Amino acid sequence: MININGNFSENNSVLTFENRGYSYGDALFETIKVSHGKILFLEDHYFRLMASMRIMRMEIPMHFTMEFFEEEIIKTITKNELANASSRVKIQIHRNVGGLYLPTNIDVSFIISAKALESDFYLLNDNTYEVDLFKDFYVSPSLLSTLKTNNKALNVVASIYAKENDLDNCLLLNTNKNVVEALNGNIFLVKGNTIKTPPLADGCLKGVMRQQLLNLLELLPDYTLEEVSISPFELQKADELFITNVITGIQSITKYRKKTFGNEVAKMLLQKINVKIRLG
């Protein structure tokens, strides 16, 4: 069952051909992990969604409070019999129909869906995970690139490239030829005691798990955190590479071209994130 503006419907009766998200990419989405009724990092998700709506010049209804979305998420997982399990919740917000590129109706609608997840907390995947660069198209280093919009043509084409080349993921470059992110999350590079991740100014997604790790790393005196551009030439010199998102947590990269990587730092960070979730 799908939650459409607070009303529940079967998921085959949602989309019309006039939907602006479908027609023009005039939509945002937020992917959230819920564990046994506990919404993880709700505040971070909410403020990112509201900031993204402002950047997209969407009218934010007065009732779009954090408490409102928390209640609607709980209603959705309950309706889908997932209140006592873990789930992947997706909030989609689009401007209502009308107009060609300039909307004649500035009101917005939301859709909330939920699917079951197997794990309650984050688990480290030790399986082989190979990546390479995707160089057919590039990310624009702009504010719009940091938002979770449904303009994901680059990610779709790159994911097909990954499948055709037996890769588990691809790393995206921006127009300055710096490494920006992976197809489904932010990228972190470990070299010695220095941990690097691209800055938002490079066009990477403003990831919620990325921010969680930035906050965590500021409390670890043994490591130096740098938000700096990453050159493709640095990848093969790294000790570790890993990808972050709120559903997987941390995914270690085991191989990039001829270089293989460890996962000790990723394992340590994942344990600390899980502790924070349990204590939170």
C-alpha atoms as a PDB file:
ATOM      1  CA  MET A   1       0.000   0.000   0.000  1.00  0.00           C
ATOM      2  CA  ILE A   2       1.203   3.504  -0.916  1.00  0.00           C
ATOM      3  CA  ASN A   3       0.565   6.619   1.165  1.00  0.00           C
ATOM      4  CA  ILE A   4      -0.593   9.435  -1.152  1.00  0.00           C
ATOM      5  CA  ASN A   5      -1.081  12.685   0.748  1.00  0.00           C
ATOM      6  CA  GLY A   6      -2.232  10.705   3.774  1.00  0.00           C
ATOM      7  CA  ASN A   7      -4.580   8.379   1.860  1.00  0.00           C
ATOM      8  CA  PHE A   8      -3.678   4.776   1.137  1.00  0.00           C
ATOM      9  CA  SER A   9      -3.922   3.202  -2.301  1.00  0.00           C
ATOM     10  CA  GLU A  10      -2.630   0.222  -4.228  1.00  0.00           C
ATOM     11  CA  ASN A  11       0.665   1.078  -5.901  1.00  0.00           C
ATOM     12  CA  ASN A  12      -0.717   0.467  -9.401  1.00  0.00           C
ATOM     13  CA  SER A  13      -3.001   3.509  -9.237  1.00  0.00           C
ATOM     14  CA  VAL A  14      -0.531   6.290  -8.408  1.00  0.00           C
ATOM     15  CA  LEU A  15       1.037   7.704 -11.558  1.00  0.00           C
ATOM     16  CA  THR A  16      -0.734   9.706 -14.263  1.00  0.00           C
ATOM     17  CA  PHE A  17       0.843  10.703 -17.557  1.00  0.00           C
ATOM     18  CA  GLU A  18       0.689  14.346 -16.404  1.00  0.00           C
ATOM     19  CA  ASN A  19       2.773  13.723 -13.276  1.00  0.00           C
ATOM     20  CA  ARG A  20       5.480  16.415 -13.256  1.00  0.00           C
ATOM     21  CA  GLY A  21       8.029  14.103 -11.687  1.00  0.00           C
ATOM     22  CA  TYR A  22       7.557  11.699 -14.580  1.00  0.00           C
ATOM     23  CA  SER A  23       7.240  14.360 -17.286  1.00  0.00           C
ATOM     24  CA  TYR A  24       9.919  16.868 -16.274  1.00  0.00           C
ATOM     25  CA  GLY A  25      11.870  15.428 -13.366  1.00  0.00           C
ATOM     26  CA  ASP A  26      10.157  17.984 -11.117  1.00  0.00           C
ATOM     27  CA  ALA A  27      10.423  15.802  -8.018  1.00  0.00           C
ATOM     28  CA  LEU A  28      12.550  15.014  -4.986  1.00  0.00           C
ATOM     29  CA  PHE A  29      12.877  11.822  -2.996  1.00  0.00           C
ATOM     30  CA  GLU A  30      14.251  10.726   0.344  1.00  0.00           C
ATOM     31  CA  THR A  31      15.223   7.145   1.197  1.00  0.00           C
ATOM     32  CA  ILE A  32      15.020   6.266   4.891  1.00  0.00           C
ATOM     33  CA  LYS A  33      15.750   3.153   6.922  1.00  0.00           C
ATOM     34  CA  VAL A  34      13.266   2.206   9.634  1.00  0.00           C
ATOM     35  CA  SER A  35      14.167  -0.449  12.210  1.00  0.00           C
ATOM     36  CA  HIS A  36      11.242  -1.910  14.201  1.00  0.00           C
ATOM     37  CA  GLY A  37       9.353   1.347  14.137  1.00  0.00           C
ATOM     38  CA  LYS A  38      12.423   3.509  14.820  1.00  0.00           C
ATOM     39  CA  ILE A  39      13.152   5.961  12.004  1.00  0.00           C
ATOM     40  CA  LEU A  40      16.923   6.268  11.692  1.00  0.00           C
ATOM     41  CA  PHE A  41      18.397   9.775  11.360  1.00  0.00           C
ATOM     42  CA  LEU A  42      14.931  11.307  10.964  1.00  0.00           C
ATOM     43  CA  GLU A  43      16.059  14.858  11.715  1.00  0.00           C
ATOM     44  CA  ASP A  44      18.828  14.751   9.099  1.00  0.00           C
ATOM     45  CA  HIS A  45      16.436  13.380   6.475  1.00  0.00           C
ATOM     46  CA  TYR A  46      13.767  15.942   7.262  1.00  0.00           C
ATOM     47  CA  PHE A  47      16.043  18.981   7.112  1.00  0.00           C
ATOM     48  CA  ARG A  48      17.678  17.753   3.898  1.00  0.00           C
ATOM     49  CA  LEU A  49      14.245  17.304   2.327  1.00  0.00           C
ATOM     50  CA  MET A  50      13.082  20.773   3.383  1.00  0.00           C
ATOM     51  CA  ALA A  51      16.317  22.395   2.184  1.00  0.00           C
ATOM     52  CA  SER A  52      16.005  20.566  -1.139  1.00  0.00           C
ATOM     53  CA  MET A  53      12.423  21.777  -1.576  1.00  0.00           C
ATOM     54  CA  ARG A  54      13.579  25.352  -1.024  1.00  0.00           C
ATOM     55  CA  ILE A  55      16.370  24.991  -3.578  1.00  0.00           C
ATOM     56  CA  MET A  56      13.833  23.557  -6.058  1.00  0.00           C
ATOM     57  CA  ARG A  57      11.528  26.520  -5.251  1.00  0.00           C
ATOM     58  CA  MET A  58       8.742  24.232  -4.122  1.00  0.00           C
ATOM     59  CA  GLU A  59       6.023  25.653  -1.887  1.00  0.00           C
ATOM     60  CA  ILE A  60       6.390  23.981   1.524  1.00  0.00           C
ATOM     61  CA  PRO A  61       2.959  23.442   3.127  1.00  0.00           C
ATOM     62  CA  MET A  62       2.680  24.611   6.732  1.00  0.00           C
ATOM     63  CA  HIS A  63       1.811  21.092   7.904  1.00  0.00           C
ATOM     64  CA  PHE A  64       5.042  19.617   6.510  1.00  0.00           C
ATOM     65  CA  THR A  65       6.621  19.359   9.953  1.00  0.00           C
ATOM     66  CA  MET A  66       9.016  16.674  11.096  1.00  0.00           C
ATOM     67  CA  GLU A  67       6.304  15.289  13.377  1.00  0.00           C
ATOM     68  CA  PHE A  68       3.899  15.109  10.424  1.00  0.00           C
ATOM     69  CA  PHE A  69       6.299  13.028   8.314  1.00  0.00           C
ATOM     70  CA  GLU A  70       7.171  10.831  11.280  1.00  0.00           C
ATOM     71  CA  GLU A  71       3.477  10.070  11.767  1.00  0.00           C
ATOM     72  CA  GLU A  72       2.909   9.404   8.058  1.00  0.00           C
ATOM     73  CA  ILE A  73       5.922   7.061   7.900  1.00  0.00           C
ATOM     74  CA  ILE A  74       4.686   5.100  10.922  1.00  0.00           C
ATOM     75  CA  LYS A  75       1.199   4.887   9.390  1.00  0.00           C
ATOM     76  CA  THR A  76       2.721   3.609   6.137  1.00  0.00           C
ATOM     77  CA  ILE A  77       4.865   0.874   7.659  1.00  0.00           C
ATOM     78  CA  THR A  78       1.936  -0.169   9.875  1.00  0.00           C
ATOM     79  CA  LYS A  79      -0.383  -0.381   6.861  1.00  0.00           C
ATOM     80  CA  ASN A  80       2.214  -2.572   5.136  1.00  0.00           C
ATOM     81  CA  GLU A  81       2.608  -4.793   8.236  1.00  0.00           C
ATOM     82  CA  LEU A  82       6.224  -3.692   8.738  1.00  0.00           C
ATOM     83  CA  ALA A  83       5.957  -2.015  12.140  1.00  0.00           C
ATOM     84  CA  ASN A  84       7.811  -4.902  13.818  1.00  0.00           C
ATOM     85  CA  ALA A  85      10.409  -5.346  11.093  1.00  0.00           C
ATOM     86  CA  SER A  86      12.999  -3.292   9.261  1.00  0.00           C
ATOM     87  CA  SER A  87      12.042  -1.434   6.114  1.00  0.00           C
ATOM     88  CA  ARG A  88      13.194   0.893   3.358  1.00  0.00           C
ATOM     89  CA  VAL A  89      10.885   3.900   3.235  1.00  0.00           C
ATOM     90  CA  LYS A  90      10.832   6.247   0.270  1.00  0.00           C
ATOM     91  CA  ILE A  91       9.264   9.703   0.377  1.00  0.00           C
ATOM     92  CA  GLN A  92       8.638  11.305  -3.021  1.00  0.00           C
ATOM     93  CA  ILE A  93       7.514  14.911  -3.394  1.00  0.00           C
ATOM     94  CA  HIS A  94       6.435  16.433  -6.708  1.00  0.00           C
ATOM     95  CA  ARG A  95       4.723  19.590  -7.878  1.00  0.00           C
ATOM     96  CA  ASN A  96       1.192  18.959  -9.032  1.00  0.00           C
ATOM     97  CA  VAL A  97       0.200  18.731 -12.693  1.00  0.00           C
ATOM     98  CA  GLY A  98      -0.031  21.692 -15.040  1.00  0.00           C
ATOM     99  CA  GLY A  99       2.105  23.738 -17.395  1.00  0.00           C
ATOM    100  CA  LEU A 100       4.897  22.686 -19.699  1.00  0.00           C
ATOM    101  CA  TYR A 101       8.115  23.664 -17.950  1.00  0.00           C
ATOM    102  CA  LEU A 102       6.631  26.516 -15.921  1.00  0.00           C
ATOM    103  CA  PRO A 103       4.165  24.960 -13.440  1.00  0.00           C
ATOM    104  CA  THR A 104       0.695  26.513 -13.317  1.00  0.00           C
ATOM    105  CA  ASN A 105      -0.068  24.666 -10.080  1.00  0.00           C
ATOM    106  CA  ILE A 106       2.583  25.267  -7.435  1.00  0.00           C
ATOM    107  CA  ASP A 107       1.020  22.934  -4.854  1.00  0.00           C
ATOM    108  CA  VAL A 108       2.945  19.753  -4.009  1.00  0.00           C
ATOM    109  CA  SER A 109       1.966  16.178  -3.270  1.00  0.00           C
ATOM    110  CA  PHE A 110       3.810  13.414  -1.461  1.00  0.00           C
ATOM    111  CA  ILE A 111       3.950   9.650  -1.875  1.00  0.00           C
ATOM    112  CA  ILE A 112       5.376   7.343   0.806  1.00  0.00           C
ATOM    113  CA  SER A 113       6.149   3.694   0.106  1.00  0.00           C
ATOM    114  CA  ALA A 114       7.771   0.970   2.195  1.00  0.00           C
ATOM    115  CA  LYS A 115       9.543  -2.317   1.478  1.00  0.00           C
ATOM    116  CA  ALA A 116      10.907  -4.901   3.887  1.00  0.00           C
ATOM    117  CA  LEU A 117      14.629  -5.141   4.668  1.00  0.00           C
ATOM    118  CA  GLU A 118      16.398  -8.218   5.966  1.00  0.00           C
ATOM    119  CA  SER A 119      18.763  -6.617   8.502  1.00  0.00           C
ATOM    120  CA  ASP A 120      17.844  -4.419  11.456  1.00  0.00           C
ATOM    121  CA  PHE A 121      21.300  -2.880  11.802  1.00  0.00           C
ATOM    122  CA  TYR A 122      24.178  -2.367   9.409  1.00  0.00           C
ATOM    123  CA  LEU A 123      26.283  -5.377   8.442  1.00  0.00           C
ATOM    124  CA  LEU A 124      29.676  -5.332   6.755  1.00  0.00           C
ATOM    125  CA  ASN A 125      29.662  -7.142   3.424  1.00  0.00           C
ATOM    126  CA  ASP A 126      32.990  -8.980   3.028  1.00  0.00           C
ATOM    127  CA  ASN A 127      32.228 -10.231  -0.479  1.00  0.00           C
ATOM    128  CA  THR A 128      34.246  -9.126  -3.483  1.00  0.00           C
ATOM    129  CA  TYR A 129      33.126  -5.678  -4.600  1.00  0.00           C
ATOM    130  CA  GLU A 130      34.759  -4.340  -7.742  1.00  0.00           C
ATOM    131  CA  VAL A 131      34.386  -0.862  -9.209  1.00  0.00           C
ATOM    132  CA  ASP A 132      35.762   1.232 -12.036  1.00  0.00           C
ATOM    133  CA  LEU A 133      35.374   4.767 -13.321  1.00  0.00           C
ATOM    134  CA  PHE A 134      32.451   5.716 -15.545  1.00  0.00           C
ATOM    135  CA  LYS A 135      33.672   8.261 -18.081  1.00  0.00           C
ATOM    136  CA  ASP A 136      30.929   8.497 -20.700  1.00  0.00           C
ATOM    137  CA  PHE A 137      29.124  11.336 -18.900  1.00  0.00           C
ATOM    138  CA  TYR A 138      30.033  13.665 -16.045  1.00  0.00           C
ATOM    139  CA  VAL A 139      28.405  15.197 -12.977  1.00  0.00           C
ATOM    140  CA  SER A 140      28.005  18.960 -12.908  1.00  0.00           C
ATOM    141  CA  PRO A 141      29.708  20.498  -9.845  1.00  0.00           C
ATOM    142  CA  SER A 142      26.611  22.489  -8.921  1.00  0.00           C
ATOM    143  CA  LEU A 143      24.108  22.783  -6.083  1.00  0.00           C
ATOM    144  CA  LEU A 144      21.433  20.859  -8.001  1.00  0.00           C
ATOM    145  CA  SER A 145      23.732  17.820  -8.207  1.00  0.00           C
ATOM    146  CA  THR A 146      23.760  17.576  -4.405  1.00  0.00           C
ATOM    147  CA  LEU A 147      19.975  17.020  -4.270  1.00  0.00           C
ATOM    148  CA  LYS A 148      18.096  13.711  -4.414  1.00  0.00           C
ATOM    149  CA  THR A 149      15.975  14.508  -7.451  1.00  0.00           C
ATOM    150  CA  ASN A 150      14.609  11.915  -9.865  1.00  0.00           C
ATOM    151  CA  ASN A 151      16.914  13.218 -12.609  1.00  0.00           C
ATOM    152  CA  LYS A 152      19.075  10.090 -12.480  1.00  0.00           C
ATOM    153  CA  ALA A 153      19.758   9.374 -16.167  1.00  0.00           C
ATOM    154  CA  LEU A 154      23.525   9.390 -15.580  1.00  0.00           C
ATOM    155  CA  ASN A 155      23.236   6.860 -12.744  1.00  0.00           C
ATOM    156  CA  VAL A 156      20.951   4.617 -14.806  1.00  0.00           C
ATOM    157  CA  VAL A 157      23.279   4.562 -17.826  1.00  0.00           C
ATOM    158  CA  ALA A 158      26.308   4.003 -15.585  1.00  0.00           C
ATOM    159  CA  SER A 159      24.578   1.122 -13.780  1.00  0.00           C
ATOM    160  CA  ILE A 160      23.958  -0.571 -17.124  1.00  0.00           C
ATOM    161  CA  TYR A 161      27.629  -0.035 -17.988  1.00  0.00           C
ATOM    162  CA  ALA A 162      28.573  -1.664 -14.668  1.00  0.00           C
ATOM    163  CA  LYS A 163      26.367  -4.672 -15.381  1.00  0.00           C
ATOM    164  CA  GLU A 164      27.758  -5.074 -18.896  1.00  0.00           C
ATOM    165  CA  ASN A 165      31.316  -5.061 -17.527  1.00  0.00           C
ATOM    166  CA  ASP A 166      30.708  -7.347 -14.522  1.00  0.00           C
ATOM    167  CA  LEU A 167      31.268  -4.525 -12.038  1.00  0.00           C
ATOM    168  CA  ASP A 168      29.483  -4.102  -8.728  1.00  0.00           C
ATOM    169  CA  ASN A 169      29.444  -0.314  -8.979  1.00  0.00           C
ATOM    170  CA  CYS A 170      30.924   2.655 -10.803  1.00  0.00           C
ATOM    171  CA  LEU A 171      32.585   5.810  -9.559  1.00  0.00           C
ATOM    172  CA  LEU A 172      31.351   9.019 -11.154  1.00  0.00           C
ATOM    173  CA  LEU A 173      33.514  11.957 -12.187  1.00  0.00           C
ATOM    174  CA  ASN A 174      32.547  15.601 -12.368  1.00  0.00           C
ATOM    175  CA  THR A 175      33.366  17.904 -15.273  1.00  0.00           C
ATOM    176  CA  ASN A 176      36.644  18.780 -13.533  1.00  0.00           C
ATOM    177  CA  LYS A 177      37.557  15.055 -13.762  1.00  0.00           C
ATOM    178  CA  ASN A 178      37.522  14.575  -9.988  1.00  0.00           C
ATOM    179  CA  VAL A 179      35.922  11.537  -8.344  1.00  0.00           C
ATOM    180  CA  VAL A 180      32.532  12.625  -6.970  1.00  0.00           C
ATOM    181  CA  GLU A 181      30.602   9.586  -5.714  1.00  0.00           C
ATOM    182  CA  ALA A 182      29.406   6.084  -6.517  1.00  0.00           C
ATOM    183  CA  LEU A 183      26.142   5.244  -8.270  1.00  0.00           C
ATOM    184  CA  ASN A 184      24.272   4.796  -4.992  1.00  0.00           C
ATOM    185  CA  GLY A 185      26.236   6.662  -2.357  1.00  0.00           C
ATOM    186  CA  ASN A 186      29.112   8.847  -1.266  1.00  0.00           C
ATOM    187  CA  ILE A 187      32.741   7.779  -1.552  1.00  0.00           C
ATOM    188  CA  PHE A 188      35.406   7.824   1.176  1.00  0.00           C
ATOM    189  CA  LEU A 189      39.128   7.221   0.705  1.00  0.00           C
ATOM    190  CA  VAL A 190      41.486   6.096   3.484  1.00  0.00           C
ATOM    191  CA  LYS A 191      45.247   6.615   3.254  1.00  0.00           C
ATOM    192  CA  GLY A 192      47.111   6.018   6.501  1.00  0.00           C
ATOM    193  CA  ASN A 193      45.336   8.052   9.183  1.00  0.00           C
ATOM    194  CA  THR A 194      43.772  10.450   6.676  1.00  0.00           C
ATOM    195  CA  ILE A 195      40.207   9.968   5.496  1.00  0.00           C
ATOM    196  CA  LYS A 196      39.047  11.977   2.486  1.00  0.00           C
ATOM    197  CA  THR A 197      35.651  12.543   0.926  1.00  0.00           C
ATOM    198  CA  PRO A 198      34.717  14.946  -1.895  1.00  0.00           C
ATOM    199  CA  PRO A 199      33.221  18.312  -0.851  1.00  0.00           C
ATOM    200  CA  LEU A 200      29.659  19.229  -1.781  1.00  0.00           C
ATOM    201  CA  ALA A 201      31.106  21.892  -4.090  1.00  0.00           C
ATOM    202  CA  ASP A 202      32.314  19.050  -6.351  1.00  0.00           C
ATOM    203  CA  GLY A 203      28.691  18.015  -6.955  1.00  0.00           C
ATOM    204  CA  CYS A 204      28.415  14.973  -4.694  1.00  0.00           C
ATOM    205  CA  LEU A 205      25.119  14.037  -3.077  1.00  0.00           C
ATOM    206  CA  LYS A 206      24.516  15.574   0.340  1.00  0.00           C
ATOM    207  CA  GLY A 207      24.183  12.125   1.862  1.00  0.00           C
ATOM    208  CA  VAL A 208      22.735  11.540   5.324  1.00  0.00           C
ATOM    209  CA  MET A 209      25.141   8.677   6.073  1.00  0.00           C
ATOM    210  CA  ARG A 210      27.964  10.831   4.738  1.00  0.00           C
ATOM    211  CA  GLN A 211      27.063  13.472   7.334  1.00  0.00           C
ATOM    212  CA  GLN A 212      26.841  10.848  10.068  1.00  0.00           C
ATOM    213  CA  LEU A 213      30.393   9.742   9.306  1.00  0.00           C
ATOM    214  CA  LEU A 214      31.660  13.326   9.160  1.00  0.00           C
ATOM    215  CA  ASN A 215      30.205  13.914  12.617  1.00  0.00           C
ATOM    216  CA  LEU A 216      31.695  10.686  13.916  1.00  0.00           C
ATOM    217  CA  LEU A 217      35.159  11.258  12.466  1.00  0.00           C
ATOM    218  CA  GLU A 218      35.392  14.660  14.158  1.00  0.00           C
ATOM    219  CA  LEU A 219      35.321  12.762  17.474  1.00  0.00           C
ATOM    220  CA  LEU A 220      38.149  10.357  16.532  1.00  0.00           C
ATOM    221  CA  PRO A 221      41.516  12.036  17.224  1.00  0.00           C
ATOM    222  CA  ASP A 222      43.472   9.212  15.565  1.00  0.00           C
ATOM    223  CA  TYR A 223      42.155  10.217  12.132  1.00  0.00           C
ATOM    224  CA  THR A 224      42.359  13.365  10.048  1.00  0.00           C
ATOM    225  CA  LEU A 225      39.242  14.160   8.043  1.00  0.00           C
ATOM    226  CA  GLU A 226      39.526  16.108   4.801  1.00  0.00           C
ATOM    227  CA  GLU A 227      36.667  17.243   2.561  1.00  0.00           C
ATOM    228  CA  VAL A 228      38.755  17.723  -0.565  1.00  0.00           C
ATOM    229  CA  SER A 229      38.611  16.863  -4.248  1.00  0.00           C
ATOM    230  CA  ILE A 230      39.841  13.356  -5.046  1.00  0.00           C
ATOM    231  CA  SER A 231      41.802  12.716  -8.211  1.00  0.00           C
ATOM    232  CA  PRO A 232      41.374   9.352  -9.983  1.00  0.00           C
ATOM    233  CA  PHE A 233      45.129   8.899  -9.571  1.00  0.00           C
ATOM    234  CA  GLU A 234      44.702   8.730  -5.784  1.00  0.00           C
ATOM    235  CA  LEU A 235      42.433   5.685  -5.920  1.00  0.00           C
ATOM    236  CA  GLN A 236      45.161   3.121  -6.562  1.00  0.00           C
ATOM    237  CA  LYS A 237      47.291   4.600  -3.757  1.00  0.00           C
ATOM    238  CA  ALA A 238      44.541   4.278  -1.137  1.00  0.00           C
ATOM    239  CA  ASP A 239      44.481   1.742   1.693  1.00  0.00           C
ATOM    240  CA  GLU A 240      40.682   1.599   1.689  1.00  0.00           C
ATOM    241  CA  LEU A 241      37.776   2.844  -0.381  1.00  0.00           C
ATOM    242  CA  PHE A 242      34.186   2.596   0.763  1.00  0.00           C
ATOM    243  CA  ILE A 243      30.715   3.772  -0.246  1.00  0.00           C
ATOM    244  CA  THR A 244      28.073   5.048   2.175  1.00  0.00           C
ATOM    245  CA  ASN A 245      24.276   5.296   2.107  1.00  0.00           C
ATOM    246  CA  VAL A 246      21.523   4.963   4.705  1.00  0.00           C
ATOM    247  CA  ILE A 247      20.262   1.581   3.513  1.00  0.00           C
ATOM    248  CA  THR A 248      23.571  -0.325   3.268  1.00  0.00           C
ATOM    249  CA  GLY A 249      25.511   1.763   5.778  1.00  0.00           C
ATOM    250  CA  ILE A 250      29.080   1.207   4.560  1.00  0.00           C
ATOM    251  CA  GLN A 251      30.072  -0.891   1.555  1.00  0.00           C
ATOM    252  CA  SER A 252      33.788  -1.573   1.280  1.00  0.00           C
ATOM    253  CA  ILE A 253      35.325  -1.632  -2.179  1.00  0.00           C
ATOM    254  CA  THR A 254      37.652  -4.606  -2.497  1.00  0.00           C
ATOM    255  CA  LYS A 255      39.033  -4.000  -5.992  1.00  0.00           C
ATOM    256  CA  TYR A 256      39.617  -1.088  -8.357  1.00  0.00           C
ATOM    257  CA  ARG A 257      41.400  -2.177 -11.517  1.00  0.00           C
ATOM    258  CA  LYS A 258      44.513  -4.038 -10.307  1.00  0.00           C
ATOM    259  CA  LYS A 259      44.462  -2.646  -6.764  1.00  0.00           C
ATOM    260  CA  THR A 260      42.834  -4.477  -3.836  1.00  0.00           C
ATOM    261  CA  PHE A 261      41.816  -2.859  -0.563  1.00  0.00           C
ATOM    262  CA  GLY A 262      41.280  -3.719   3.091  1.00  0.00           C
ATOM    263  CA  ASN A 263      38.297  -2.801   5.253  1.00  0.00           C
ATOM    264  CA  GLU A 264      39.565  -2.244   8.811  1.00  0.00           C
ATOM    265  CA  VAL A 265      38.554   1.417   9.042  1.00  0.00           C
ATOM    266  CA  ALA A 266      35.177   0.731   7.425  1.00  0.00           C
ATOM    267  CA  LYS A 267      34.539  -2.060   9.924  1.00  0.00           C
ATOM    268  CA  MET A 268      35.417   0.197  12.870  1.00  0.00           C
ATOM    269  CA  LEU A 269      33.192   3.036  11.640  1.00  0.00           C
ATOM    270  CA  LEU A 270      30.273   0.708  10.984  1.00  0.00           C
ATOM    271  CA  GLN A 271      30.473  -0.637  14.536  1.00  0.00           C
ATOM    272  CA  LYS A 272      30.367   2.891  15.916  1.00  0.00           C
ATOM    273  CA  ILE A 273      27.373   3.788  13.761  1.00  0.00           C
ATOM    274  CA  ASN A 274      25.519   0.705  15.007  1.00  0.00           C
ATOM    275  CA  VAL A 275      26.333   1.635  18.618  1.00  0.00           C
ATOM    276  CA  LYS A 276      24.942   5.125  18.014  1.00  0.00           C
ATOM    277  CA  ILE A 277      21.732   3.650  16.607  1.00  0.00           C
ATOM    278  CA  ARG A 278      21.302   1.294  19.568  1.00  0.00           C
ATOM    279  CA  LEU A 279      21.948   4.011  22.149  1.00  0.00           C
ATOM    280  CA  GLY A 280      19.896   6.588  20.251  1.00  0.00           C
END
